[in-house]
């Protein structure tokens, strides 16, 4: 199921110049599926995206980025024969803005309200038994230091 709606995509396309017929028919569904996969993969380094499976569960800022990317690529695909440099400034603007959103989400400069940010917190005792102070059966070498700097032997 798509993470954006047709209305969200059409909002970024000028209706008199470019109409998105449907996001659930090929080739649009194929393009959308691949773009969503790419966006989710990139954002998954900062957020748990496993529960974002449709438009109702995906945060608005993520849907906005997906919609902008989708319209940019669909527009380029539609007009690729008639544009000399194979790029349109509006499509490039949409794509650049979507990239700005995605990069901001990943680097933490943009946050999703109510969504916990994944952090690479190191594990220490008690969640990581390797820093336990008392020896265990599995690792009898644990315990207080036998010697330290400045100790006279």
Protein backbone atom coordinates (compact mmCIF):
# COMPACT_ATOMS: atom_id res chain seq x y z
CA UNK A 1 0.00 0.00 0.00
CA UNK A 2 1.28 3.47 -0.89
CA UNK A 3 2.61 5.77 1.80
CA UNK A 4 1.24 8.84 -0.01
CA UNK A 5 -2.15 9.65 -1.49
CA UNK A 6 -2.94 10.86 -4.98
CA UNK A 7 -3.99 14.24 -3.53
CA UNK A 8 -0.61 14.63 -1.79
CA UNK A 9 1.23 13.98 -5.03
CA UNK A 10 -1.08 16.13 -7.16
CA UNK A 11 -0.60 19.03 -4.74
CA UNK A 12 2.98 19.34 -6.03
CA UNK A 13 2.03 19.12 -9.70
CA UNK A 14 0.37 21.96 -11.59
CA UNK A 15 -2.99 20.45 -12.58
CA UNK A 16 -3.17 22.36 -15.90
CA UNK A 17 0.30 21.14 -16.93
CA UNK A 18 0.74 17.74 -15.33
CA UNK A 19 -1.96 15.48 -13.97
CA UNK A 20 -1.12 12.32 -12.12
CA UNK A 21 -3.82 9.88 -13.17
CA UNK A 22 -3.32 7.34 -10.41
CA UNK A 23 -0.59 6.22 -8.07
CA UNK A 24 -1.92 2.68 -7.96
CA UNK A 25 -1.47 1.80 -11.64
CA UNK A 26 1.69 0.93 -13.51
CA UNK A 27 4.08 2.65 -14.25
CA UNK A 28 3.33 5.04 -11.36
CA UNK A 29 3.03 2.31 -8.74
CA UNK A 30 6.41 0.90 -9.79
CA UNK A 31 8.08 4.30 -9.56
CA UNK A 32 6.42 5.09 -6.23
CA UNK A 33 7.33 1.71 -4.72
CA UNK A 34 10.99 2.19 -5.59
CA UNK A 35 11.11 5.79 -4.37
CA UNK A 36 9.41 4.85 -1.09
CA UNK A 37 11.86 2.02 -0.61
CA UNK A 38 14.80 4.36 -1.15
CA UNK A 39 13.45 7.03 1.21
CA UNK A 40 12.60 4.50 3.94
CA UNK A 41 16.05 2.92 3.67
CA UNK A 42 17.75 6.28 4.07
CA UNK A 43 15.58 7.43 6.98
CA UNK A 44 15.80 4.08 8.78
CA UNK A 45 19.27 5.01 10.05
CA UNK A 46 17.65 7.74 12.19
CA UNK A 47 14.10 6.46 12.81
CA UNK A 48 12.33 3.14 13.18
CA UNK A 49 10.41 3.04 9.90
CA UNK A 50 8.99 -0.47 10.26
CA UNK A 51 5.56 0.76 11.34
CA UNK A 52 5.26 3.32 8.53
CA UNK A 53 3.36 1.12 6.07
CA UNK A 54 0.70 3.42 4.61
CA UNK A 55 -0.40 7.06 4.43
CA UNK A 56 -2.10 6.85 7.83
CA UNK A 57 0.99 5.63 9.69
CA UNK A 58 3.73 7.55 7.84
CA UNK A 59 4.63 10.97 9.33
CA UNK A 60 3.58 14.01 7.29
CA UNK A 61 7.12 15.27 6.67
CA UNK A 62 8.15 11.88 5.24
CA UNK A 63 5.03 11.77 3.02
CA UNK A 64 5.89 15.26 1.79
CA UNK A 65 9.40 14.19 0.80
CA UNK A 66 8.08 11.08 -0.97
CA UNK A 67 5.40 13.09 -2.80
CA UNK A 68 7.94 15.67 -4.00
CA UNK A 69 10.35 12.99 -5.23
CA UNK A 70 7.53 11.11 -6.92
CA UNK A 71 6.25 14.18 -8.79
CA UNK A 72 9.77 15.21 -9.79
CA UNK A 73 10.54 11.80 -11.28
CA UNK A 74 7.09 11.36 -12.84
CA UNK A 75 7.36 14.81 -14.42
CA UNK A 76 10.80 14.04 -15.81
CA UNK A 77 9.59 10.72 -17.16
CA UNK A 78 6.56 12.31 -18.82
CA UNK A 79 8.49 15.11 -20.51
CA UNK A 80 11.86 13.46 -21.08
CA UNK A 81 11.46 13.53 -24.88
CA UNK A 82 10.57 17.21 -25.11
CA UNK A 83 13.09 18.77 -22.72
CA UNK A 84 16.45 19.36 -24.34
CA UNK A 85 18.59 19.01 -21.25
CA UNK A 86 16.37 16.18 -19.96
CA UNK A 87 15.68 18.17 -16.80
CA UNK A 88 13.06 20.68 -15.80
CA UNK A 89 13.77 23.37 -13.26
CA UNK A 90 10.58 22.69 -11.30
CA UNK A 91 11.32 18.96 -11.12
CA UNK A 92 14.87 19.75 -10.03
CA UNK A 93 13.55 22.15 -7.37
CA UNK A 94 11.16 19.50 -6.01
CA UNK A 95 13.86 16.88 -5.92
CA UNK A 96 16.34 19.21 -4.21
CA UNK A 97 13.78 20.13 -1.57
CA UNK A 98 12.91 16.46 -0.95
CA UNK A 99 16.62 15.68 -0.59
CA UNK A 100 16.95 18.53 1.89
CA UNK A 101 14.14 17.05 3.99
CA UNK A 102 15.57 13.51 3.89
CA UNK A 103 19.09 14.68 4.72
CA UNK A 104 17.75 16.80 7.58
CA UNK A 105 15.84 13.83 9.01
CA UNK A 106 18.91 11.62 8.83
CA UNK A 107 21.38 14.13 10.28
CA UNK A 108 19.00 15.30 13.01
CA UNK A 109 18.55 18.91 11.90
CA UNK A 110 14.88 18.09 11.18
CA UNK A 111 12.97 16.03 13.71
CA UNK A 112 9.67 14.22 13.46
CA UNK A 113 7.51 15.24 16.44
CA UNK A 114 6.49 12.28 18.56
CA UNK A 115 8.90 9.85 16.88
CA UNK A 116 11.87 8.59 18.89
CA UNK A 117 15.23 9.13 17.23
CA UNK A 118 17.44 6.06 16.98
CA UNK A 119 20.74 6.63 18.70
CA UNK A 120 23.89 4.61 18.76
CA UNK A 121 24.06 4.49 22.56
CA UNK A 122 26.86 2.24 23.74
CA UNK A 123 25.79 -0.60 25.98
CA UNK A 124 27.17 -0.69 29.51
CA UNK A 125 26.51 -2.84 32.55
CA UNK A 126 23.82 -4.08 33.33
CA UNK A 127 22.72 -4.34 29.68
CA UNK A 128 26.20 -5.35 28.60
CA UNK A 129 27.66 -7.85 31.08
CA UNK A 130 31.19 -7.38 29.74
CA UNK A 131 31.61 -4.33 31.98
CA UNK A 132 30.42 -6.11 35.12
CA UNK A 133 32.63 -5.70 38.13
CA UNK A 134 32.14 -9.14 39.66
CA UNK A 135 33.63 -12.30 38.13
CA UNK A 136 31.13 -14.71 36.56
CA UNK A 137 31.31 -18.38 35.60
CA UNK A 138 31.34 -17.38 31.93
CA UNK A 139 34.16 -14.87 32.42
CA UNK A 140 36.22 -15.33 35.62
CA UNK A 141 38.61 -12.55 34.53
CA UNK A 142 36.06 -9.91 35.46
CA UNK A 143 36.49 -8.05 38.70
CA UNK A 144 38.47 -5.19 40.12
CA UNK A 145 41.74 -4.22 38.49
CA UNK A 146 44.77 -6.18 39.68
CA UNK A 147 47.06 -3.27 39.00
CA UNK A 148 46.83 0.30 37.78
CA UNK A 149 49.07 3.15 36.62
CA UNK A 150 51.30 4.47 39.31
CA UNK A 151 51.18 1.25 41.29
CA UNK A 152 54.49 0.10 42.72
CA UNK A 153 55.35 -3.54 42.07
